[in-house]
Amino acid sequence: MTLARLRLGYADPPYVNCAHLYRGQPDYAGEVDHAVLIRHLDATYDGWVLHAAATPASIATLAPLVEATGARWMVWVKGFAAFKRNVPVAYAWEPVIVKAARRPVVSRRLVMRDWIQESITLRRGLTGAKPEAVCHWAFEMLGARPDDELDDLYPGTGAVMRAWESWCRKFALPQVPVAPPKRRSDDPPMDVFMPDDL
């Protein structure tokens, strides 16, 4: 049985009301229209991931948009998170919205939960770059396979595509060199196995 190659979308845009944090980036385009983004994800891809903020404005904006798609809300819990001045309770989790392309497969690669705990990345050159483990978890939640096509809609540091490449390698079987069998002294000569007309 062969599985169809599916098209997957991965969106880690500037979060609702946070676009100003990326003003210095060459591809800065202001606030993201999340209604347009979610419609695009749902119309274009067999399955998709959307990272979001755990703020009331973000959840209020996204919840009605996501509900119509049938996607599932999941959580990235940050074991180590950045503490902000004048914010006494750290924002230490984020919603990760996943519309699976296939039914996820239970395997030894990962314990299947709707949450993951992983510390934030530091010094990646861009605020919010996702850790490899979070991306790997998201790919598993998508029901992704290594022969699927993944589009990273907000490439930023390139961390998502690097994570995709490393995740795909988990599926590859090790390359075992094939050596000719060792001959013993009592083996018949090789020409015994050759047809006479060669």
C-alpha atoms as a PDB file:
ATOM      1  CA  MET A   1       0.000   0.000   0.000  1.00  0.00           C
ATOM      2  CA  THR A   2       1.411   3.402  -0.929  1.00  0.00           C
ATOM      3  CA  LEU A   3       0.393   6.555   0.865  1.00  0.00           C
ATOM      4  CA  ALA A   4      -0.378   9.690  -1.116  1.00  0.00           C
ATOM      5  CA  ARG A   5       2.138  12.511  -0.899  1.00  0.00           C
ATOM      6  CA  LEU A   6       0.407  15.339   0.926  1.00  0.00           C
ATOM      7  CA  ARG A   7       1.023  19.063   1.055  1.00  0.00           C
ATOM      8  CA  LEU A   8       1.546  20.505   4.537  1.00  0.00           C
ATOM      9  CA  GLY A   9       1.632  24.123   5.667  1.00  0.00           C
ATOM     10  CA  TYR A  10       3.577  25.476   8.639  1.00  0.00           C
ATOM     11  CA  ALA A  11       2.745  28.999   9.821  1.00  0.00           C
ATOM     12  CA  ASP A  12       4.626  30.734  12.616  1.00  0.00           C
ATOM     13  CA  PRO A  13       3.637  34.338  11.847  1.00  0.00           C
ATOM     14  CA  PRO A  14       4.027  37.418  14.021  1.00  0.00           C
ATOM     15  CA  TYR A  15       1.371  36.897  16.676  1.00  0.00           C
ATOM     16  CA  VAL A  16      -1.759  39.029  16.995  1.00  0.00           C
ATOM     17  CA  ASN A  17      -0.720  42.603  17.943  1.00  0.00           C
ATOM     18  CA  CYS A  18       2.988  41.651  17.888  1.00  0.00           C
ATOM     19  CA  ALA A  19       4.067  42.506  14.331  1.00  0.00           C
ATOM     20  CA  HIS A  20       5.910  45.599  15.600  1.00  0.00           C
ATOM     21  CA  LEU A  21       8.556  43.280  17.097  1.00  0.00           C
ATOM     22  CA  TYR A  22       9.668  42.425  13.542  1.00  0.00           C
ATOM     23  CA  ARG A  23       9.697  45.945  12.096  1.00  0.00           C
ATOM     24  CA  GLY A  24      13.413  45.704  11.300  1.00  0.00           C
ATOM     25  CA  GLN A  25      13.061  42.535   9.214  1.00  0.00           C
ATOM     26  CA  PRO A  26      13.340  42.862   5.418  1.00  0.00           C
ATOM     27  CA  ASP A  27      10.014  41.067   4.853  1.00  0.00           C
ATOM     28  CA  TYR A  28       8.082  43.118   7.445  1.00  0.00           C
ATOM     29  CA  ALA A  29       4.497  43.648   6.271  1.00  0.00           C
ATOM     30  CA  GLY A  30       2.675  44.901   9.361  1.00  0.00           C
ATOM     31  CA  GLU A  31      -0.035  43.036  11.218  1.00  0.00           C
ATOM     32  CA  VAL A  32      -0.962  39.627   9.850  1.00  0.00           C
ATOM     33  CA  ASP A  33      -4.561  39.174   8.712  1.00  0.00           C
ATOM     34  CA  HIS A  34      -5.175  35.898  10.522  1.00  0.00           C
ATOM     35  CA  ALA A  35      -8.584  35.380   8.904  1.00  0.00           C
ATOM     36  CA  VAL A  36      -6.945  35.423   5.468  1.00  0.00           C
ATOM     37  CA  LEU A  37      -4.067  33.261   6.714  1.00  0.00           C
ATOM     38  CA  ILE A  38      -6.336  30.559   8.156  1.00  0.00           C
ATOM     39  CA  ARG A  39      -8.513  30.507   5.035  1.00  0.00           C
ATOM     40  CA  HIS A  40      -5.335  30.114   2.955  1.00  0.00           C
ATOM     41  CA  LEU A  41      -4.024  27.292   5.150  1.00  0.00           C
ATOM     42  CA  ASP A  42      -7.313  25.429   5.023  1.00  0.00           C
ATOM     43  CA  ALA A  43      -7.859  25.859   1.278  1.00  0.00           C
ATOM     44  CA  THR A  44      -4.290  25.111   0.188  1.00  0.00           C
ATOM     45  CA  TYR A  45      -2.970  22.362   2.450  1.00  0.00           C
ATOM     46  CA  ASP A  46      -3.975  18.831   3.413  1.00  0.00           C
ATOM     47  CA  GLY A  47      -2.825  19.594   6.960  1.00  0.00           C
ATOM     48  CA  TRP A  48      -1.306  22.580   8.720  1.00  0.00           C
ATOM     49  CA  VAL A  49       0.233  24.032  11.885  1.00  0.00           C
ATOM     50  CA  LEU A  50      -0.350  27.548  13.203  1.00  0.00           C
ATOM     51  CA  HIS A  51       1.579  28.934  16.184  1.00  0.00           C
ATOM     52  CA  ALA A  52      -0.163  31.600  18.266  1.00  0.00           C
ATOM     53  CA  ALA A  53       0.152  33.653  21.432  1.00  0.00           C
ATOM     54  CA  ALA A  54      -1.554  32.833  24.726  1.00  0.00           C
ATOM     55  CA  THR A  55      -2.990  36.336  25.061  1.00  0.00           C
ATOM     56  CA  PRO A  56      -6.714  37.117  25.326  1.00  0.00           C
ATOM     57  CA  ALA A  57      -6.600  39.134  22.086  1.00  0.00           C
ATOM     58  CA  SER A  58      -4.956  36.269  20.200  1.00  0.00           C
ATOM     59  CA  ILE A  59      -7.296  33.575  21.478  1.00  0.00           C
ATOM     60  CA  ALA A  60     -10.399  35.753  20.946  1.00  0.00           C
ATOM     61  CA  THR A  61      -9.304  36.521  17.375  1.00  0.00           C
ATOM     62  CA  LEU A  62      -8.331  32.977  16.417  1.00  0.00           C
ATOM     63  CA  ALA A  63     -10.940  30.818  18.176  1.00  0.00           C
ATOM     64  CA  PRO A  64     -13.900  31.521  15.842  1.00  0.00           C
ATOM     65  CA  LEU A  65     -11.642  31.298  12.782  1.00  0.00           C
ATOM     66  CA  VAL A  66     -10.161  27.956  13.824  1.00  0.00           C
ATOM     67  CA  GLU A  67     -13.459  26.412  14.922  1.00  0.00           C
ATOM     68  CA  ALA A  68     -14.744  26.289  11.347  1.00  0.00           C
ATOM     69  CA  THR A  69     -11.670  24.329  10.177  1.00  0.00           C
ATOM     70  CA  GLY A  70     -11.896  21.420  12.612  1.00  0.00           C
ATOM     71  CA  ALA A  71      -8.286  21.977  13.699  1.00  0.00           C
ATOM     72  CA  ARG A  72      -7.231  21.076  17.224  1.00  0.00           C
ATOM     73  CA  TRP A  73      -5.749  23.388  19.852  1.00  0.00           C
ATOM     74  CA  MET A  74      -2.570  22.017  21.397  1.00  0.00           C
ATOM     75  CA  VAL A  75       0.003  23.531  23.723  1.00  0.00           C
ATOM     76  CA  TRP A  76       3.722  24.207  23.837  1.00  0.00           C
ATOM     77  CA  VAL A  77       4.746  24.594  27.491  1.00  0.00           C
ATOM     78  CA  LYS A  78       8.042  26.412  27.906  1.00  0.00           C
ATOM     79  CA  GLY A  79      10.138  24.814  30.663  1.00  0.00           C
ATOM     80  CA  PHE A  80      12.365  27.876  30.452  1.00  0.00           C
ATOM     81  CA  ALA A  81      10.733  31.089  29.265  1.00  0.00           C
ATOM     82  CA  ALA A  82      11.669  34.753  29.046  1.00  0.00           C
ATOM     83  CA  PHE A  83      10.522  36.920  31.935  1.00  0.00           C
ATOM     84  CA  LYS A  84       9.495  40.459  31.009  1.00  0.00           C
ATOM     85  CA  ARG A  85       9.853  43.538  33.159  1.00  0.00           C
ATOM     86  CA  ASN A  86       6.578  44.471  34.903  1.00  0.00           C
ATOM     87  CA  VAL A  87       4.979  41.119  33.988  1.00  0.00           C
ATOM     88  CA  PRO A  88       4.887  39.205  37.302  1.00  0.00           C
ATOM     89  CA  VAL A  89       3.524  35.955  35.807  1.00  0.00           C
ATOM     90  CA  ALA A  90       5.548  34.801  32.807  1.00  0.00           C
ATOM     91  CA  TYR A  91       3.891  33.826  29.551  1.00  0.00           C
ATOM     92  CA  ALA A  92       5.204  30.263  29.570  1.00  0.00           C
ATOM     93  CA  TRP A  93       2.905  28.472  27.127  1.00  0.00           C
ATOM     94  CA  GLU A  94       1.624  28.981  23.612  1.00  0.00           C
ATOM     95  CA  PRO A  95      -1.229  27.536  21.604  1.00  0.00           C
ATOM     96  CA  VAL A  96      -0.220  25.408  18.645  1.00  0.00           C
ATOM     97  CA  ILE A  97      -3.169  24.835  16.332  1.00  0.00           C
ATOM     98  CA  VAL A  98      -2.928  21.673  14.246  1.00  0.00           C
ATOM     99  CA  LYS A  99      -5.128  20.358  11.490  1.00  0.00           C
ATOM    100  CA  ALA A 100      -3.848  16.843  10.933  1.00  0.00           C
ATOM    101  CA  ALA A 101      -3.329  15.675   7.366  1.00  0.00           C
ATOM    102  CA  ARG A 102      -3.584  12.045   8.444  1.00  0.00           C
ATOM    103  CA  ARG A 103      -4.303  10.192  11.627  1.00  0.00           C
ATOM    104  CA  PRO A 104      -1.069  10.483  13.662  1.00  0.00           C
ATOM    105  CA  VAL A 105       0.814   7.213  14.093  1.00  0.00           C
ATOM    106  CA  VAL A 106       1.824   6.027  17.539  1.00  0.00           C
ATOM    107  CA  SER A 107       5.510   5.152  17.313  1.00  0.00           C
ATOM    108  CA  ARG A 108       8.635   5.027  19.411  1.00  0.00           C
ATOM    109  CA  ARG A 109       9.713   8.422  18.077  1.00  0.00           C
ATOM    110  CA  LEU A 110       7.502  10.397  20.468  1.00  0.00           C
ATOM    111  CA  VAL A 111       4.935  10.062  23.255  1.00  0.00           C
ATOM    112  CA  MET A 112       1.705  11.257  21.641  1.00  0.00           C
ATOM    113  CA  ARG A 113       0.213  14.108  23.673  1.00  0.00           C
ATOM    114  CA  ASP A 114      -1.578  17.320  22.775  1.00  0.00           C
ATOM    115  CA  TRP A 115       1.183  19.246  24.536  1.00  0.00           C
ATOM    116  CA  ILE A 116       4.944  19.379  24.622  1.00  0.00           C
ATOM    117  CA  GLN A 117       7.306  20.848  27.179  1.00  0.00           C
ATOM    118  CA  GLU A 118      10.424  22.386  25.674  1.00  0.00           C
ATOM    119  CA  SER A 119      12.446  25.469  26.584  1.00  0.00           C
ATOM    120  CA  ILE A 120      12.574  28.486  24.279  1.00  0.00           C
ATOM    121  CA  THR A 121      15.493  29.004  21.919  1.00  0.00           C
ATOM    122  CA  LEU A 122      18.082  31.673  22.599  1.00  0.00           C
ATOM    123  CA  ARG A 123      20.287  33.678  20.238  1.00  0.00           C
ATOM    124  CA  ARG A 124      18.708  32.402  17.029  1.00  0.00           C
ATOM    125  CA  GLY A 125      18.675  35.846  15.431  1.00  0.00           C
ATOM    126  CA  LEU A 126      14.899  36.267  15.539  1.00  0.00           C
ATOM    127  CA  THR A 127      12.395  36.476  18.393  1.00  0.00           C
ATOM    128  CA  GLY A 128      10.206  33.375  18.536  1.00  0.00           C
ATOM    129  CA  ALA A 129      12.327  30.904  16.537  1.00  0.00           C
ATOM    130  CA  LYS A 130      10.943  27.470  17.359  1.00  0.00           C
ATOM    131  CA  PRO A 131      13.018  24.698  18.939  1.00  0.00           C
ATOM    132  CA  GLU A 132      13.628  21.602  16.840  1.00  0.00           C
ATOM    133  CA  ALA A 133      11.764  19.374  19.327  1.00  0.00           C
ATOM    134  CA  VAL A 134       8.621  21.525  19.061  1.00  0.00           C
ATOM    135  CA  CYS A 135       8.710  21.281  15.275  1.00  0.00           C
ATOM    136  CA  HIS A 136       9.260  17.499  15.395  1.00  0.00           C
ATOM    137  CA  TRP A 137       6.271  17.165  17.740  1.00  0.00           C
ATOM    138  CA  ALA A 138       4.129  19.302  15.410  1.00  0.00           C
ATOM    139  CA  PHE A 139       5.081  17.137  12.413  1.00  0.00           C
ATOM    140  CA  GLU A 140       4.003  14.039  14.346  1.00  0.00           C
ATOM    141  CA  MET A 141       0.702  15.692  15.311  1.00  0.00           C
ATOM    142  CA  LEU A 142       0.144  16.464  11.609  1.00  0.00           C
ATOM    143  CA  GLY A 143       0.474  12.785  10.734  1.00  0.00           C
ATOM    144  CA  ALA A 144       3.265  13.852   8.390  1.00  0.00           C
ATOM    145  CA  ARG A 145       5.463  11.482   6.417  1.00  0.00           C
ATOM    146  CA  PRO A 146       8.942  12.248   5.069  1.00  0.00           C
ATOM    147  CA  ASP A 147       7.767  12.130   1.452  1.00  0.00           C
ATOM    148  CA  ASP A 148       5.168  14.859   2.084  1.00  0.00           C
ATOM    149  CA  GLU A 149       5.806  18.424   0.903  1.00  0.00           C
ATOM    150  CA  LEU A 150       6.181  21.023   3.664  1.00  0.00           C
ATOM    151  CA  ASP A 151       5.787  24.762   3.034  1.00  0.00           C
ATOM    152  CA  ASP A 152       7.111  27.104   5.724  1.00  0.00           C
ATOM    153  CA  LEU A 153       5.031  30.253   5.238  1.00  0.00           C
ATOM    154  CA  TYR A 154       7.153  32.403   7.580  1.00  0.00           C
ATOM    155  CA  PRO A 155      10.707  31.052   7.179  1.00  0.00           C
ATOM    156  CA  GLY A 156      12.445  33.544   9.500  1.00  0.00           C
ATOM    157  CA  THR A 157      15.640  31.798  10.624  1.00  0.00           C
ATOM    158  CA  GLY A 158      14.992  28.633   8.599  1.00  0.00           C
ATOM    159  CA  ALA A 159      14.586  26.623  11.817  1.00  0.00           C
ATOM    160  CA  VAL A 160      11.382  24.888  10.670  1.00  0.00           C
ATOM    161  CA  MET A 161      12.891  23.541   7.444  1.00  0.00           C
ATOM    162  CA  ARG A 162      16.050  22.426   9.252  1.00  0.00           C
ATOM    163  CA  ALA A 163      13.815  20.617  11.749  1.00  0.00           C
ATOM    164  CA  TRP A 164      11.866  19.035   8.859  1.00  0.00           C
ATOM    165  CA  GLU A 165      15.094  17.721   7.346  1.00  0.00           C
ATOM    166  CA  SER A 166      16.296  16.255  10.656  1.00  0.00           C
ATOM    167  CA  TRP A 167      12.840  14.783  11.357  1.00  0.00           C
ATOM    168  CA  CYS A 168      12.717  13.143   7.915  1.00  0.00           C
ATOM    169  CA  ARG A 169      16.072  11.483   8.592  1.00  0.00           C
ATOM    170  CA  LYS A 170      14.477   9.650  11.535  1.00  0.00           C
ATOM    171  CA  PHE A 171      12.515   7.639   8.976  1.00  0.00           C
ATOM    172  CA  ALA A 172      15.498   6.681   6.819  1.00  0.00           C
ATOM    173  CA  LEU A 173      16.860   3.210   7.257  1.00  0.00           C
ATOM    174  CA  PRO A 174      20.588   3.068   7.941  1.00  0.00           C
ATOM    175  CA  GLN A 175      22.665   2.430   4.847  1.00  0.00           C
ATOM    176  CA  VAL A 176      24.411  -0.908   5.276  1.00  0.00           C
ATOM    177  CA  PRO A 177      27.267  -1.539   2.872  1.00  0.00           C
ATOM    178  CA  VAL A 178      26.715  -4.719   0.898  1.00  0.00           C
ATOM    179  CA  ALA A 179      29.937  -6.689   0.636  1.00  0.00           C
ATOM    180  CA  PRO A 180      30.369  -9.837  -1.425  1.00  0.00           C
ATOM    181  CA  PRO A 181      30.170 -13.000   0.669  1.00  0.00           C
ATOM    182  CA  LYS A 182      33.458 -14.317   1.953  1.00  0.00           C
ATOM    183  CA  ARG A 183      34.733 -17.363   0.134  1.00  0.00           C
ATOM    184  CA  ARG A 184      35.924 -20.431   1.931  1.00  0.00           C
ATOM    185  CA  SER A 185      38.549 -22.811   0.626  1.00  0.00           C
ATOM    186  CA  ASP A 186      36.013 -25.605   0.112  1.00  0.00           C
ATOM    187  CA  ASP A 187      33.606 -23.412  -1.995  1.00  0.00           C
ATOM    188  CA  PRO A 188      33.297 -24.468  -5.655  1.00  0.00           C
ATOM    189  CA  PRO A 189      35.006 -22.202  -8.176  1.00  0.00           C
ATOM    190  CA  MET A 190      32.958 -19.198  -9.328  1.00  0.00           C
ATOM    191  CA  ASP A 191      32.891 -20.363 -12.969  1.00  0.00           C
ATOM    192  CA  VAL A 192      30.686 -23.302 -11.941  1.00  0.00           C
ATOM    193  CA  PHE A 193      27.850 -20.787 -11.578  1.00  0.00           C
ATOM    194  CA  MET A 194      28.437 -19.145 -14.976  1.00  0.00           C
ATOM    195  CA  PRO A 195      26.558 -20.323 -18.055  1.00  0.00           C
ATOM    196  CA  ASP A 196      28.856 -21.954 -20.663  1.00  0.00           C
ATOM    197  CA  ASP A 197      27.889 -19.506 -23.414  1.00  0.00           C
ATOM    198  CA  LEU A 198      29.188 -16.429 -21.582  1.00  0.00           C
END
